[in-house]
PDB file of N, CA and C in Angstrom:
ATOM      1  N   MET A   1       0.834  -1.184   0.000  1.00  0.00           N
ATOM      2  CA  MET A   1       0.000   0.000   0.000  1.00  0.00           C
ATOM      3  C   MET A   1       0.881   1.252   0.000  1.00  0.00           C
ATOM      4  N   SER A   2       0.509   2.211  -0.799  1.00  0.00           N
ATOM      5  CA  SER A   2       1.267   3.462  -0.835  1.00  0.00           C
ATOM      6  C   SER A   2       0.934   4.291   0.407  1.00  0.00           C
ATOM      7  N   LEU A   3       1.727   5.319   0.645  1.00  0.00           N
ATOM      8  CA  LEU A   3       1.499   6.198   1.787  1.00  0.00           C
ATOM      9  C   LEU A   3       0.112   6.832   1.697  1.00  0.00           C
ATOM     10  N   ASP A   4      -0.264   7.315   0.514  1.00  0.00           N
ATOM     11  CA  ASP A   4      -1.583   7.940   0.355  1.00  0.00           C
ATOM     12  C   ASP A   4      -2.708   6.953   0.619  1.00  0.00           C
ATOM     13  N   GLU A   5      -2.547   5.714   0.181  1.00  0.00           N
ATOM     14  CA  GLU A   5      -3.572   4.694   0.425  1.00  0.00           C
ATOM     15  C   GLU A   5      -3.690   4.391   1.916  1.00  0.00           C
ATOM     16  N   ARG A   6      -2.550   4.287   2.591  1.00  0.00           N
ATOM     17  CA  ARG A   6      -2.569   4.023   4.040  1.00  0.00           C
ATOM     18  C   ARG A   6      -3.177   5.212   4.790  1.00  0.00           C
ATOM     19  N   PHE A   7      -2.865   6.429   4.343  1.00  0.00           N
ATOM     20  CA  PHE A   7      -3.417   7.639   4.958  1.00  0.00           C
ATOM     21  C   PHE A   7      -4.934   7.675   4.788  1.00  0.00           C
ATOM     22  N   ASN A   8      -5.407   7.412   3.582  1.00  0.00           N
ATOM     23  CA  ASN A   8      -6.849   7.408   3.326  1.00  0.00           C
ATOM     24  C   ASN A   8      -7.557   6.318   4.123  1.00  0.00           C
ATOM     25  N   GLN A   9      -6.908   5.160   4.269  1.00  0.00           N
ATOM     26  CA  GLN A   9      -7.479   4.072   5.068  1.00  0.00           C
ATOM     27  C   GLN A   9      -7.563   4.486   6.536  1.00  0.00           C
ATOM     28  N   ALA A  10      -6.529   5.149   7.032  1.00  0.00           N
ATOM     29  CA  ALA A  10      -6.537   5.611   8.426  1.00  0.00           C
ATOM     30  C   ALA A  10      -7.646   6.640   8.636  1.00  0.00           C
ATOM     31  N   ALA A  11      -7.850   7.511   7.647  1.00  0.00           N
ATOM     32  CA  ALA A  11      -8.914   8.518   7.741  1.00  0.00           C
ATOM     33  C   ALA A  11     -10.294   7.850   7.807  1.00  0.00           C
ATOM     34  N   GLU A  12     -10.452   6.721   7.146  1.00  0.00           N
ATOM     35  CA  GLU A  12     -11.707   5.965   7.225  1.00  0.00           C
ATOM     36  C   GLU A  12     -11.796   5.205   8.546  1.00  0.00           C
ATOM     37  N   ASP A  13     -10.690   4.592   8.963  1.00  0.00           N
ATOM     38  CA  ASP A  13     -10.678   3.794  10.192  1.00  0.00           C
ATOM     39  C   ASP A  13     -11.033   4.635  11.417  1.00  0.00           C
ATOM     40  N   VAL A  14     -10.579   5.883  11.436  1.00  0.00           N
ATOM     41  CA  VAL A  14     -10.802   6.731  12.614  1.00  0.00           C
ATOM     42  C   VAL A  14     -12.290   7.015  12.809  1.00  0.00           C
ATOM     43  N   LYS A  15     -13.073   6.902  11.756  1.00  0.00           N
ATOM     44  CA  LYS A  15     -14.519   7.122  11.850  1.00  0.00           C
ATOM     45  C   LYS A  15     -15.226   5.939  12.517  1.00  0.00           C
ATOM     46  N   ASN A  16     -14.529   4.817  12.653  1.00  0.00           N
ATOM     47  CA  ASN A  16     -15.142   3.597  13.182  1.00  0.00           C
ATOM     48  C   ASN A  16     -14.591   3.180  14.542  1.00  0.00           C
ATOM     49  N   LEU A  17     -14.068   4.130  15.303  1.00  0.00           N
ATOM     50  CA  LEU A  17     -13.590   3.812  16.647  1.00  0.00           C
ATOM     51  C   LEU A  17     -14.787   3.487  17.538  1.00  0.00           C
ATOM     52  N   LYS A  18     -14.588   2.588  18.511  1.00  0.00           N
ATOM     53  CA  LYS A  18     -15.690   2.180  19.392  1.00  0.00           C
ATOM     54  C   LYS A  18     -16.148   3.318  20.291  1.00  0.00           C
ATOM     55  N   SER A  19     -15.230   4.180  20.695  1.00  0.00           N
ATOM     56  CA  SER A  19     -15.619   5.326  21.518  1.00  0.00           C
ATOM     57  C   SER A  19     -14.887   6.565  21.036  1.00  0.00           C
ATOM     58  N   LYS A  20     -15.394   7.714  21.469  1.00  0.00           N
ATOM     59  CA  LYS A  20     -14.836   8.986  21.020  1.00  0.00           C
ATOM     60  C   LYS A  20     -13.479   9.243  21.686  1.00  0.00           C
ATOM     61  N   PRO A  21     -12.475   9.620  20.907  1.00  0.00           N
ATOM     62  CA  PRO A  21     -11.175   9.957  21.495  1.00  0.00           C
ATOM     63  C   PRO A  21     -11.271  11.215  22.365  1.00  0.00           C
ATOM     64  N   SER A  22     -10.267  11.438  23.183  1.00  0.00           N
ATOM     65  CA  SER A  22     -10.231  12.633  24.027  1.00  0.00           C
ATOM     66  C   SER A  22     -10.116  13.881  23.148  1.00  0.00           C
ATOM     67  N   ASP A  23     -10.432  15.021  23.725  1.00  0.00           N
ATOM     68  CA  ASP A  23     -10.326  16.276  22.974  1.00  0.00           C
ATOM     69  C   ASP A  23      -8.903  16.519  22.479  1.00  0.00           C
ATOM     70  N   SER A  24      -7.911  16.181  23.307  1.00  0.00           N
ATOM     71  CA  SER A  24      -6.525  16.394  22.881  1.00  0.00           C
ATOM     72  C   SER A  24      -6.160  15.472  21.716  1.00  0.00           C
ATOM     73  N   ASP A  25      -6.670  14.237  21.749  1.00  0.00           N
ATOM     74  CA  ASP A  25      -6.441  13.323  20.623  1.00  0.00           C
ATOM     75  C   ASP A  25      -7.127  13.831  19.361  1.00  0.00           C
ATOM     76  N   LEU A  26      -8.350  14.341  19.513  1.00  0.00           N
ATOM     77  CA  LEU A  26      -9.072  14.877  18.357  1.00  0.00           C
ATOM     78  C   LEU A  26      -8.345  16.080  17.759  1.00  0.00           C
ATOM     79  N   LEU A  27      -7.813  16.945  18.619  1.00  0.00           N
ATOM     80  CA  LEU A  27      -7.053  18.101  18.122  1.00  0.00           C
ATOM     81  C   LEU A  27      -5.803  17.655  17.372  1.00  0.00           C
ATOM     82  N   GLU A  28      -5.121  16.655  17.921  1.00  0.00           N
ATOM     83  CA  GLU A  28      -3.918  16.141  17.262  1.00  0.00           C
ATOM     84  C   GLU A  28      -4.267  15.541  15.904  1.00  0.00           C
ATOM     85  N   LEU A  29      -5.335  14.762  15.847  1.00  0.00           N
ATOM     86  CA  LEU A  29      -5.765  14.188  14.571  1.00  0.00           C
ATOM     87  C   LEU A  29      -6.095  15.275  13.571  1.00  0.00           C
ATOM     88  N   TYR A  30      -6.836  16.285  14.012  1.00  0.00           N
ATOM     89  CA  TYR A  30      -7.217  17.388  13.138  1.00  0.00           C
ATOM     90  C   TYR A  30      -5.975  18.086  12.584  1.00  0.00           C
ATOM     91  N   ALA A  31      -5.050  18.424  13.483  1.00  0.00           N
ATOM     92  CA  ALA A  31      -3.862  19.160  13.074  1.00  0.00           C
ATOM     93  C   ALA A  31      -3.006  18.355  12.095  1.00  0.00           C
ATOM     94  N   LEU A  32      -2.824  17.076  12.374  1.00  0.00           N
ATOM     95  CA  LEU A  32      -2.024  16.242  11.479  1.00  0.00           C
ATOM     96  C   LEU A  32      -2.721  16.058  10.137  1.00  0.00           C
ATOM     97  N   PHE A  33      -4.051  15.902  10.156  1.00  0.00           N
ATOM     98  CA  PHE A  33      -4.796  15.747   8.904  1.00  0.00           C
ATOM     99  C   PHE A  33      -4.667  17.007   8.048  1.00  0.00           C
ATOM    100  N   LYS A  34      -4.853  18.166   8.674  1.00  0.00           N
ATOM    101  CA  LYS A  34      -4.753  19.430   7.929  1.00  0.00           C
ATOM    102  C   LYS A  34      -3.337  19.636   7.390  1.00  0.00           C
ATOM    103  N   GLN A  35      -2.332  19.335   8.211  1.00  0.00           N
ATOM    104  CA  GLN A  35      -0.948  19.502   7.769  1.00  0.00           C
ATOM    105  C   GLN A  35      -0.655  18.550   6.617  1.00  0.00           C
ATOM    106  N   ALA A  36      -1.197  17.345   6.689  1.00  0.00           N
ATOM    107  CA  ALA A  36      -0.953  16.339   5.651  1.00  0.00           C
ATOM    108  C   ALA A  36      -1.661  16.687   4.346  1.00  0.00           C
ATOM    109  N   THR A  37      -2.835  17.290   4.433  1.00  0.00           N
ATOM    110  CA  THR A  37      -3.618  17.544   3.223  1.00  0.00           C
ATOM    111  C   THR A  37      -3.458  18.950   2.672  1.00  0.00           C
ATOM    112  N   VAL A  38      -3.233  19.939   3.539  1.00  0.00           N
ATOM    113  CA  VAL A  38      -3.139  21.332   3.102  1.00  0.00           C
ATOM    114  C   VAL A  38      -1.711  21.851   3.178  1.00  0.00           C
ATOM    115  N   GLY A  39      -0.983  21.433   4.202  1.00  0.00           N
ATOM    116  CA  GLY A  39       0.349  21.979   4.461  1.00  0.00           C
ATOM    117  C   GLY A  39       0.247  22.982   5.602  1.00  0.00           C
ATOM    118  N   ASP A  40       1.184  23.919   5.645  1.00  0.00           N
ATOM    119  CA  ASP A  40       1.192  24.911   6.722  1.00  0.00           C
ATOM    120  C   ASP A  40      -0.114  25.694   6.751  1.00  0.00           C
ATOM    121  N   VAL A  41      -0.488  26.117   7.956  1.00  0.00           N
ATOM    122  CA  VAL A  41      -1.723  26.879   8.151  1.00  0.00           C
ATOM    123  C   VAL A  41      -1.752  28.070   7.197  1.00  0.00           C
ATOM    124  N   ASN A  42      -2.899  28.263   6.548  1.00  0.00           N
ATOM    125  CA  ASN A  42      -2.989  29.281   5.501  1.00  0.00           C
ATOM    126  C   ASN A  42      -4.160  30.232   5.718  1.00  0.00           C
ATOM    127  N   THR A  43      -4.658  30.283   6.951  1.00  0.00           N
ATOM    128  CA  THR A  43      -5.756  31.180   7.282  1.00  0.00           C
ATOM    129  C   THR A  43      -5.358  32.002   8.495  1.00  0.00           C
ATOM    130  N   SER A  44      -6.078  33.083   8.726  1.00  0.00           N
ATOM    131  CA  SER A  44      -5.793  33.875   9.915  1.00  0.00           C
ATOM    132  C   SER A  44      -6.449  33.211  11.118  1.00  0.00           C
ATOM    133  N   ARG A  45      -5.912  33.507  12.292  1.00  0.00           N
ATOM    134  CA  ARG A  45      -6.406  32.902  13.531  1.00  0.00           C
ATOM    135  C   ARG A  45      -7.822  33.403  13.814  1.00  0.00           C
ATOM    136  N   PRO A  46      -8.723  32.483  14.191  1.00  0.00           N
ATOM    137  CA  PRO A  46     -10.106  32.896  14.494  1.00  0.00           C
ATOM    138  C   PRO A  46     -10.160  33.911  15.632  1.00  0.00           C
ATOM    139  N   GLY A  47     -11.275  34.608  15.709  1.00  0.00           N
ATOM    140  CA  GLY A  47     -11.456  35.652  16.715  1.00  0.00           C
ATOM    141  C   GLY A  47     -11.577  35.126  18.133  1.00  0.00           C
ATOM    142  N   LEU A  48     -11.603  36.058  19.051  1.00  0.00           N
ATOM    143  CA  LEU A  48     -11.625  35.762  20.484  1.00  0.00           C
ATOM    144  C   LEU A  48     -12.765  34.855  20.915  1.00  0.00           C
ATOM    145  N   LEU A  49     -13.926  35.002  20.331  1.00  0.00           N
ATOM    146  CA  LEU A  49     -15.087  34.245  20.794  1.00  0.00           C
ATOM    147  C   LEU A  49     -15.164  32.836  20.224  1.00  0.00           C
ATOM    148  N   ASP A  50     -14.362  32.547  19.233  1.00  0.00           N
ATOM    149  CA  ASP A  50     -14.371  31.220  18.613  1.00  0.00           C
ATOM    150  C   ASP A  50     -13.318  30.340  19.284  1.00  0.00           C
ATOM    151  N   LEU A  51     -13.648  29.839  20.469  1.00  0.00           N
ATOM    152  CA  LEU A  51     -12.667  29.074  21.253  1.00  0.00           C
ATOM    153  C   LEU A  51     -12.285  27.773  20.566  1.00  0.00           C
ATOM    154  N   LYS A  52     -13.262  27.066  20.014  1.00  0.00           N
ATOM    155  CA  LYS A  52     -12.986  25.798  19.338  1.00  0.00           C
ATOM    156  C   LYS A  52     -12.127  26.044  18.095  1.00  0.00           C
ATOM    157  N   GLY A  53     -12.485  27.049  17.329  1.00  0.00           N
ATOM    158  CA  GLY A  53     -11.716  27.390  16.124  1.00  0.00           C
ATOM    159  C   GLY A  53     -10.286  27.773  16.448  1.00  0.00           C
ATOM    160  N   LYS A  54     -10.106  28.535  17.528  1.00  0.00           N
ATOM    161  CA  LYS A  54      -8.752  28.927  17.931  1.00  0.00           C
ATOM    162  C   LYS A  54      -7.929  27.719  18.349  1.00  0.00           C
ATOM    163  N   ALA A  55      -8.549  26.812  19.095  1.00  0.00           N
ATOM    164  CA  ALA A  55      -7.832  25.608  19.541  1.00  0.00           C
ATOM    165  C   ALA A  55      -7.390  24.779  18.339  1.00  0.00           C
ATOM    166  N   LYS A  56      -8.285  24.622  17.364  1.00  0.00           N
ATOM    167  CA  LYS A  56      -7.944  23.853  16.164  1.00  0.00           C
ATOM    168  C   LYS A  56      -6.838  24.561  15.369  1.00  0.00           C
ATOM    169  N   TRP A  57      -6.969  25.880  15.216  1.00  0.00           N
ATOM    170  CA  TRP A  57      -5.975  26.655  14.469  1.00  0.00           C
ATOM    171  C   TRP A  57      -4.610  26.552  15.155  1.00  0.00           C
ATOM    172  N   ASP A  58      -4.597  26.704  16.480  1.00  0.00           N
ATOM    173  CA  ASP A  58      -3.337  26.630  17.232  1.00  0.00           C
ATOM    174  C   ASP A  58      -2.684  25.261  17.091  1.00  0.00           C
ATOM    175  N   ALA A  59      -3.494  24.204  17.167  1.00  0.00           N
ATOM    176  CA  ALA A  59      -2.957  22.844  17.038  1.00  0.00           C
ATOM    177  C   ALA A  59      -2.344  22.652  15.656  1.00  0.00           C
ATOM    178  N   TRP A  60      -3.023  23.137  14.634  1.00  0.00           N
ATOM    179  CA  TRP A  60      -2.506  23.028  13.262  1.00  0.00           C
ATOM    180  C   TRP A  60      -1.242  23.860  13.114  1.00  0.00           C
ATOM    181  N   ASN A  61      -1.253  25.075  13.645  1.00  0.00           N
ATOM    182  CA  ASN A  61      -0.107  25.967  13.517  1.00  0.00           C
ATOM    183  C   ASN A  61       1.139  25.406  14.204  1.00  0.00           C
ATOM    184  N   GLU A  62       0.952  24.593  15.254  1.00  0.00           N
ATOM    185  CA  GLU A  62       2.087  23.968  15.945  1.00  0.00           C
ATOM    186  C   GLU A  62       2.828  22.991  15.037  1.00  0.00           C
ATOM    187  N   ARG A  63       2.178  22.520  14.000  1.00  0.00           N
ATOM    188  CA  ARG A  63       2.801  21.568  13.055  1.00  0.00           C
ATOM    189  C   ARG A  63       3.469  22.280  11.885  1.00  0.00           C
ATOM    190  N   LYS A  64       3.511  23.606  11.912  1.00  0.00           N
ATOM    191  CA  LYS A  64       4.089  24.380  10.811  1.00  0.00           C
ATOM    192  C   LYS A  64       5.499  23.872  10.481  1.00  0.00           C
ATOM    193  N   GLY A  65       5.749  23.674   9.199  1.00  0.00           N
ATOM    194  CA  GLY A  65       7.059  23.215   8.758  1.00  0.00           C
ATOM    195  C   GLY A  65       7.175  21.696   8.650  1.00  0.00           C
ATOM    196  N   LEU A  66       6.220  20.972   9.192  1.00  0.00           N
ATOM    197  CA  LEU A  66       6.218  19.510   9.114  1.00  0.00           C
ATOM    198  C   LEU A  66       5.872  19.100   7.681  1.00  0.00           C
ATOM    199  N   ALA A  67       6.707  18.281   7.083  1.00  0.00           N
ATOM    200  CA  ALA A  67       6.468  17.836   5.706  1.00  0.00           C
ATOM    201  C   ALA A  67       5.151  17.077   5.631  1.00  0.00           C
ATOM    202  N   GLN A  68       4.448  17.207   4.513  1.00  0.00           N
ATOM    203  CA  GLN A  68       3.142  16.557   4.370  1.00  0.00           C
ATOM    204  C   GLN A  68       3.244  15.038   4.494  1.00  0.00           C
ATOM    205  N   ASP A  69       4.272  14.428   3.915  1.00  0.00           N
ATOM    206  CA  ASP A  69       4.428  12.973   4.031  1.00  0.00           C
ATOM    207  C   ASP A  69       4.673  12.562   5.479  1.00  0.00           C
ATOM    208  N   GLU A  70       5.461  13.353   6.198  1.00  0.00           N
ATOM    209  CA  GLU A  70       5.723  13.051   7.602  1.00  0.00           C
ATOM    210  C   GLU A  70       4.445  13.207   8.432  1.00  0.00           C
ATOM    211  N   ALA A  71       3.646  14.212   8.109  1.00  0.00           N
ATOM    212  CA  ALA A  71       2.366  14.395   8.805  1.00  0.00           C
ATOM    213  C   ALA A  71       1.444  13.205   8.543  1.00  0.00           C
ATOM    214  N   LYS A  72       1.456  12.683   7.318  1.00  0.00           N
ATOM    215  CA  LYS A  72       0.641  11.505   6.999  1.00  0.00           C
ATOM    216  C   LYS A  72       1.082  10.315   7.836  1.00  0.00           C
ATOM    217  N   GLU A  73       2.402  10.105   7.947  1.00  0.00           N
ATOM    218  CA  GLU A  73       2.927   8.993   8.750  1.00  0.00           C
ATOM    219  C   GLU A  73       2.510   9.128  10.214  1.00  0.00           C
ATOM    220  N   LYS A  74       2.609  10.346  10.753  1.00  0.00           N
ATOM    221  CA  LYS A  74       2.233  10.584  12.147  1.00  0.00           C
ATOM    222  C   LYS A  74       0.732  10.388  12.349  1.00  0.00           C
ATOM    223  N   TYR A  75      -0.062  10.790  11.377  1.00  0.00           N
ATOM    224  CA  TYR A  75      -1.511  10.607  11.441  1.00  0.00           C
ATOM    225  C   TYR A  75      -1.851   9.120  11.467  1.00  0.00           C
ATOM    226  N   ILE A  76      -1.230   8.359  10.574  1.00  0.00           N
ATOM    227  CA  ILE A  76      -1.460   6.909  10.512  1.00  0.00           C
ATOM    228  C   ILE A  76      -1.096   6.266  11.849  1.00  0.00           C
ATOM    229  N   ALA A  77       0.053   6.645  12.407  1.00  0.00           N
ATOM    230  CA  ALA A  77       0.495   6.086  13.684  1.00  0.00           C
ATOM    231  C   ALA A  77      -0.480   6.448  14.805  1.00  0.00           C
ATOM    232  N   LYS A  78      -0.983   7.678  14.805  1.00  0.00           N
ATOM    233  CA  LYS A  78      -1.932   8.118  15.837  1.00  0.00           C
ATOM    234  C   LYS A  78      -3.232   7.312  15.735  1.00  0.00           C
ATOM    235  N   VAL A  79      -3.734   7.134  14.521  1.00  0.00           N
ATOM    236  CA  VAL A  79      -4.963   6.356  14.336  1.00  0.00           C
ATOM    237  C   VAL A  79      -4.752   4.918  14.812  1.00  0.00           C
ATOM    238  N   GLN A  80      -3.605   4.329  14.487  1.00  0.00           N
ATOM    239  CA  GLN A  80      -3.331   2.956  14.921  1.00  0.00           C
ATOM    240  C   GLN A  80      -3.274   2.858  16.439  1.00  0.00           C
ATOM    241  N   SER A  81      -2.698   3.868  17.095  1.00  0.00           N
ATOM    242  CA  SER A  81      -2.629   3.831  18.562  1.00  0.00           C
ATOM    243  C   SER A  81      -4.031   3.991  19.165  1.00  0.00           C
ATOM    244  N   LEU A  82      -4.888   4.804  18.534  1.00  0.00           N
ATOM    245  CA  LEU A  82      -6.254   4.954  19.028  1.00  0.00           C
ATOM    246  C   LEU A  82      -7.062   3.674  18.830  1.00  0.00           C
ATOM    247  N   ILE A  83      -6.855   3.005  17.709  1.00  0.00           N
ATOM    248  CA  ILE A  83      -7.535   1.730  17.474  1.00  0.00           C
ATOM    249  C   ILE A  83      -7.111   0.711  18.525  1.00  0.00           C
ATOM    250  N   ALA A  84      -5.820   0.696  18.857  1.00  0.00           N
ATOM    251  CA  ALA A  84      -5.321  -0.227  19.872  1.00  0.00           C
ATOM    252  C   ALA A  84      -5.914   0.093  21.253  1.00  0.00           C
ATOM    253  N   ALA A  85      -6.080   1.393  21.544  1.00  0.00           N
ATOM    254  CA  ALA A  85      -6.575   1.793  22.854  1.00  0.00           C
ATOM    255  C   ALA A  85      -8.099   1.713  22.960  1.00  0.00           C
ATOM    256  N   LEU A  86      -8.813   2.105  21.908  1.00  0.00           N
ATOM    257  CA  LEU A  86     -10.264   2.227  21.983  1.00  0.00           C
ATOM    258  C   LEU A  86     -11.016   1.121  21.266  1.00  0.00           C
ATOM    259  N   GLY A  87     -10.344   0.438  20.354  1.00  0.00           N
ATOM    260  CA  GLY A  87     -11.005  -0.589  19.560  1.00  0.00           C
ATOM    261  C   GLY A  87     -11.713   0.019  18.359  1.00  0.00           C
ATOM    262  N   LYS A  88     -12.122  -0.865  17.463  1.00  0.00           N
ATOM    263  CA  LYS A  88     -12.746  -0.443  16.215  1.00  0.00           C
ATOM    264  C   LYS A  88     -14.035  -1.239  16.015  1.00  0.00           C
ATOM    265  N   ASN A  89     -15.061  -0.563  15.533  1.00  0.00           N
ATOM    266  CA  ASN A  89     -16.334  -1.237  15.242  1.00  0.00           C
ATOM    267  C   ASN A  89     -16.204  -2.179  14.077  1.00  0.00           C
TER     268      ASN A  89
END
């Protein structure tokens, strides 16, 4: 399987976890997915009242400079660790 195929499979697998991951795990998944698919953050930081948006933006921005292929590998590894911890439907 190519890296892109494994990444796409992980993106599908994460939707079938037996229970919801923690907020910090969800933020990490979001940030790695965005870095892997878009690259460095390319939008301005959300406003003061958008707490969820700011948290997501900050998590993504922390990955700035991470190569897209490396972000895909980290995303795949994170999904595999969540499957091991939470199980899969």
